[in-house]
Amino acid sequence: MIHLIEELELLLKKLNIEFEMQKYNGDSDEYVIFDIYNEKDTDYCNIGNLTTTYYITLNYWHKNKSCRTKYDTIKKLFKCNGFFFYSAKTLKSDNMFGKNFIFIKKIINGSEEI
């Protein structure tokens, strides 16, 4: 899973938006909080499971309504890099707008170094 976290961080750097895993402590008008909220063994055979499926939540927060144009950019970036787009919903806090994205990534067991 360490390699998946590094992959997520590399993708998020391409957006030029501040990001943190699990909790954001900055003061930017635009940022991303991400986490891997579920991990499942998948694709079973007689010797065990062949793959592991990871479920990633990504919350994009922004103060300016014009940042909504980045929703498609985020979705496209992840889809073009091997993530399956599962769902999204609009978020709202007192002074921020946002979008929650759920992506899925299936990794063949043994394809990551231990």
Protein backbone atom coordinates (compact mmCIF):
# COMPACT_ATOMS: atom_id res chain seq x y z
CA MET A 1 0.00 0.00 0.00
CA ILE A 2 2.98 2.33 0.50
CA HIS A 3 3.53 2.42 -3.26
CA LEU A 4 -0.13 3.30 -3.81
CA ILE A 5 0.17 6.25 -1.42
CA GLU A 6 3.25 7.43 -3.29
CA GLU A 7 1.38 7.05 -6.60
CA LEU A 8 -1.51 9.11 -5.25
CA GLU A 9 0.87 11.83 -4.07
CA LEU A 10 2.61 11.98 -7.46
CA LEU A 11 -0.74 12.38 -9.23
CA LEU A 12 -1.91 15.07 -6.83
CA LYS A 13 1.31 17.05 -7.33
CA LYS A 14 0.35 17.36 -11.02
CA LEU A 15 -2.72 19.37 -9.98
CA ASN A 16 -0.60 22.09 -8.30
CA ILE A 17 -2.99 22.06 -5.34
CA GLU A 18 -1.94 21.57 -1.71
CA PHE A 19 -2.81 18.11 -0.40
CA GLU A 20 -2.54 15.94 2.70
CA MET A 21 -3.48 12.42 3.64
CA GLN A 22 -6.38 12.14 6.13
CA LYS A 23 -6.26 15.71 7.52
CA TYR A 24 -5.31 19.12 6.12
CA ASN A 25 -3.66 21.60 8.48
CA GLY A 26 -2.89 24.44 6.08
CA ASP A 27 -4.70 27.64 5.25
CA SER A 28 -4.95 27.51 1.45
CA ASP A 29 -8.12 28.52 -0.38
CA GLU A 30 -7.84 25.27 -2.32
CA TYR A 31 -6.67 21.85 -1.14
CA VAL A 32 -7.20 18.08 -1.32
CA ILE A 33 -7.56 15.55 1.48
CA PHE A 34 -7.22 11.91 0.45
CA ASP A 35 -7.30 8.54 2.13
CA ILE A 36 -7.50 4.83 1.34
CA TYR A 37 -10.66 3.92 3.19
CA ASN A 38 -11.02 0.26 2.25
CA GLU A 39 -8.82 -2.61 1.09
CA LYS A 40 -10.12 -5.99 -0.05
CA ASP A 41 -8.63 -9.25 -1.28
CA THR A 42 -10.18 -9.94 -4.69
CA ASP A 43 -10.03 -12.33 -7.64
CA TYR A 44 -9.68 -15.62 -5.80
CA CYS A 45 -8.32 -18.89 -7.15
CA ASN A 46 -7.28 -22.18 -5.53
CA ILE A 47 -4.03 -20.66 -4.19
CA GLY A 48 -5.56 -17.50 -2.72
CA ASN A 49 -6.45 -14.07 -3.95
CA LEU A 50 -4.76 -12.74 -7.07
CA THR A 51 -5.48 -9.04 -6.57
CA THR A 52 -6.10 -6.45 -3.91
CA THR A 53 -8.67 -3.74 -4.52
CA TYR A 54 -8.24 -0.34 -2.87
CA TYR A 55 -10.96 2.26 -2.40
CA ILE A 56 -9.70 5.84 -2.36
CA THR A 57 -11.62 8.88 -1.18
CA LEU A 58 -10.48 12.29 -2.36
CA ASN A 59 -12.05 15.52 -1.09
CA TYR A 60 -11.29 18.62 -3.14
CA TRP A 61 -12.06 21.84 -1.22
CA HIS A 62 -12.05 25.39 -2.61
CA LYS A 63 -13.38 28.85 -1.70
CA ASN A 64 -13.85 30.15 -5.24
CA LYS A 65 -16.79 28.79 -7.22
CA SER A 66 -14.75 29.05 -10.43
CA CYS A 67 -12.60 26.15 -9.18
CA ARG A 68 -15.47 23.80 -10.03
CA THR A 69 -13.86 23.47 -13.46
CA LYS A 70 -11.15 21.34 -11.82
CA TYR A 71 -13.65 18.57 -11.02
CA ASP A 72 -13.31 17.17 -14.54
CA THR A 73 -9.54 17.62 -14.45
CA ILE A 74 -9.25 15.52 -11.27
CA LYS A 75 -11.54 12.82 -12.63
CA LYS A 76 -9.68 12.63 -15.95
CA LEU A 77 -6.23 12.58 -14.29
CA PHE A 78 -7.08 9.58 -12.15
CA LYS A 79 -8.91 7.68 -14.89
CA CYS A 80 -5.96 8.17 -17.28
CA ASN A 81 -3.65 6.70 -14.64
CA GLY A 82 -5.38 3.39 -14.03
CA PHE A 83 -8.00 4.33 -11.45
CA PHE A 84 -11.67 3.45 -11.89
CA PHE A 85 -14.05 6.33 -11.15
CA TYR A 86 -16.74 4.99 -8.82
CA SER A 87 -18.72 8.04 -7.68
CA ALA A 88 -18.71 11.70 -6.69
CA LYS A 89 -20.85 14.02 -4.63
CA THR A 90 -20.93 17.72 -3.88
CA LEU A 91 -19.67 18.93 -0.49
CA LYS A 92 -20.32 22.18 1.36
CA SER A 93 -18.96 23.65 4.56
CA ASP A 94 -19.48 27.09 6.06
CA ASN A 95 -16.94 28.84 3.85
CA MET A 96 -15.79 26.21 1.34
CA PHE A 97 -17.18 24.33 -1.65
CA GLY A 98 -16.07 20.84 -2.47
CA LYS A 99 -16.39 17.57 -4.25
CA ASN A 100 -15.84 14.09 -2.88
CA PHE A 101 -14.51 11.57 -5.39
CA ILE A 102 -14.33 7.82 -4.89
CA PHE A 103 -11.81 5.95 -7.03
CA ILE A 104 -10.95 2.26 -7.11
CA LYS A 105 -7.55 0.77 -7.89
CA LYS A 106 -6.98 -2.96 -8.35
CA ILE A 107 -3.40 -4.14 -7.97
CA ILE A 108 -2.13 -7.59 -8.92
CA ASN A 109 -0.58 -9.20 -5.85
CA GLY A 110 3.18 -9.36 -6.10
CA SER A 111 3.36 -6.35 -8.42
CA GLU A 112 4.52 -4.09 -5.57
CA GLU A 113 7.85 -4.63 -3.87
CA ILE A 114 7.77 -5.48 -0.16
